[in-house]
Protein backbone atom coordinates (compact mmCIF):
# COMPACT_ATOMS: atom_id res chain seq x y z
CA MET A 1 -36.39 7.17 -19.91
CA ARG A 2 -34.58 9.87 -21.87
CA VAL A 3 -34.92 12.41 -19.03
CA ARG A 4 -33.42 9.90 -16.60
CA ASN A 5 -30.42 9.38 -18.89
CA MET A 6 -29.96 13.14 -19.21
CA ASP A 7 -30.05 13.46 -15.43
CA SER A 8 -27.36 10.77 -15.15
CA VAL A 9 -25.22 12.54 -17.74
CA LYS A 10 -25.64 15.88 -15.96
CA LYS A 11 -24.71 14.27 -12.63
CA LEU A 12 -21.61 12.66 -14.16
CA ILE A 13 -20.52 15.94 -15.75
CA ARG A 14 -21.07 17.76 -12.44
CA GLU A 15 -19.06 15.14 -10.52
CA MET A 16 -16.22 15.23 -13.04
CA PHE A 17 -16.18 19.03 -13.04
CA LEU A 18 -16.11 19.28 -9.24
CA TYR A 19 -13.57 16.47 -8.99
CA GLY A 20 -11.41 18.41 -11.42
CA ILE A 21 -11.81 21.70 -9.56
CA PHE A 22 -11.18 20.09 -6.17
CA GLY A 23 -8.32 18.13 -7.68
CA LEU A 24 -6.74 21.30 -9.05
CA PHE A 25 -7.07 22.97 -5.68
CA SER A 26 -5.67 19.95 -3.82
CA ALA A 27 -2.88 19.51 -6.37
CA SER A 28 -2.06 23.21 -6.05
CA MET A 29 -1.82 22.85 -2.28
CA ASP A 30 0.33 19.72 -2.78
CA THR A 31 2.61 21.54 -5.23
CA LEU A 32 2.81 24.70 -3.13
CA SER A 33 3.60 22.65 -0.03
CA PHE A 34 6.26 20.76 -1.98
CA PHE A 35 7.76 24.01 -3.25
CA LEU A 36 7.95 25.47 0.25
CA LEU A 37 9.35 22.25 1.72
CA SER A 38 11.93 22.01 -1.07
CA LYS A 39 13.36 25.32 0.13
CA THR A 40 14.26 23.70 3.45
CA SER A 41 16.76 21.01 4.30
CA ILE A 42 14.04 18.35 4.18
CA PRO A 43 15.00 15.63 1.67
CA LEU A 44 13.22 15.53 -1.71
CA LEU A 45 11.18 12.36 -1.16
CA LEU A 46 10.15 13.31 2.39
CA SER A 47 9.03 16.71 1.09
CA ASN A 48 7.01 14.91 -1.57
CA PHE A 49 5.48 12.53 1.02
CA ILE A 50 4.38 15.42 3.24
CA SER A 51 2.99 17.50 0.38
CA VAL A 52 1.06 14.57 -1.11
CA ASN A 53 -0.58 13.89 2.28
CA ILE A 54 -1.67 17.50 2.50
CA GLY A 55 -3.25 17.21 -0.95
CA ILE A 56 -4.95 13.87 -0.18
CA THR A 57 -6.49 15.20 3.03
CA ILE A 58 -7.89 18.32 1.38
CA SER A 59 -9.21 16.30 -1.56
CA PHE A 60 -10.90 13.72 0.68
CA PHE A 61 -12.92 16.28 2.61
CA LEU A 62 -13.91 18.29 -0.47
CA ASN A 63 -14.94 15.27 -2.54
CA THR A 64 -16.66 13.38 0.26
CA TYR A 65 -18.79 16.22 1.57
CA LEU A 66 -19.19 18.63 -1.34
CA ASN A 67 -18.88 16.56 -4.53
CA PHE A 68 -20.10 13.01 -3.99
CA LYS A 69 -22.03 14.02 -0.86
CA LYS A 70 -21.42 10.71 0.85
CA LYS A 71 -21.83 11.08 4.57
CA ASP A 72 -22.22 7.34 5.21
CA GLU A 73 -19.34 5.04 6.05
CA VAL A 74 -16.93 7.96 6.22
CA GLY A 75 -14.29 5.85 7.95
CA LYS A 76 -14.40 3.15 5.26
CA ARG A 77 -14.40 5.76 2.53
CA ALA A 78 -11.44 7.49 4.15
CA ILE A 79 -9.49 4.22 4.19
CA LYS A 80 -10.30 3.63 0.51
CA PHE A 81 -9.58 7.24 -0.45
CA PHE A 82 -6.27 7.31 1.37
CA SER A 83 -5.38 3.90 -0.12
CA VAL A 84 -6.00 5.35 -3.57
CA GLY A 85 -4.01 8.38 -2.48
CA TYR A 86 -1.10 6.21 -1.40
CA ILE A 87 -1.17 4.37 -4.71
CA GLY A 88 -0.82 7.84 -6.20
CA LEU A 89 1.96 8.62 -3.73
CA ILE A 90 3.90 5.52 -4.79
CA LEU A 91 3.44 6.46 -8.44
CA SER A 92 4.48 10.02 -7.66
CA MET A 93 7.57 8.89 -5.77
CA LEU A 94 8.55 6.60 -8.63
CA ILE A 95 8.04 9.38 -11.18
CA MET A 96 10.02 11.84 -9.00
CA TRP A 97 12.88 9.38 -8.54
CA VAL A 98 13.09 8.49 -12.23
CA GLY A 99 12.60 12.06 -13.43
CA VAL A 100 14.94 13.82 -11.02
CA ASP A 101 17.50 11.24 -9.91
CA VAL A 102 17.75 9.06 -13.02
CA LEU A 103 16.94 11.46 -15.87
CA ASN A 104 18.28 14.63 -14.15
CA GLN A 105 15.21 16.72 -14.99
CA LYS A 106 14.12 19.80 -13.04
CA GLN A 107 12.24 18.72 -9.94
CA MET A 108 9.32 21.18 -10.28
CA LEU A 109 8.74 20.17 -13.90
CA VAL A 110 8.75 16.49 -12.94
CA LYS A 111 6.46 17.23 -9.98
CA ILE A 112 3.88 18.98 -12.15
CA GLY A 113 3.88 16.14 -14.69
CA SER A 114 3.57 13.66 -11.86
CA VAL A 115 0.59 15.47 -10.36
CA VAL A 116 -1.30 15.45 -13.70
CA PHE A 117 -0.71 11.74 -14.35
CA VAL A 118 -1.45 10.64 -10.81
CA ALA A 119 -4.65 12.73 -10.68
CA ALA A 120 -6.09 10.86 -13.68
CA VAL A 121 -5.32 7.47 -12.12
CA GLN A 122 -6.80 8.52 -8.79
CA TYR A 123 -10.01 9.85 -10.35
CA LEU A 124 -10.72 6.50 -11.96
CA LEU A 125 -9.98 4.56 -8.79
CA ASN A 126 -12.01 6.87 -6.55
CA LYS A 127 -14.97 6.98 -8.91
CA PHE A 128 -15.21 3.21 -9.19
CA VAL A 129 -13.93 2.11 -5.76
CA THR A 130 -14.28 4.78 -3.05
CA TYR A 131 -17.55 6.39 -4.15
CA LYS A 132 -19.24 3.54 -6.00
CA LYS A 133 -22.92 3.16 -5.31
């Protein structure tokens, strides 16, 4: 019984670690995309929308195939994952609007804070909704 519990703990730690690594990579691609888009004439929120979608797509493929190794019901999982991603997008947009437009903070600082907060919310939702057993 104890070995089984240790295996479960090891699996959870592995999943969290990989989710974090893949999340950092995806968030970096989101942030880099946002930075590059912000140097164009594309409006702030549209730049954010595009960059978030880039991050969600990268994260979905990495987590589905390499982390949680769920090759079944990929279409359903994609819908759930992207739904969680869009919840994150709405939160991110709200944070960006409040931080930049209302509070007049620097957009990259607000973006980085937004990415950290939204990542935590998305982990919990994906763990218990998208990839539940």
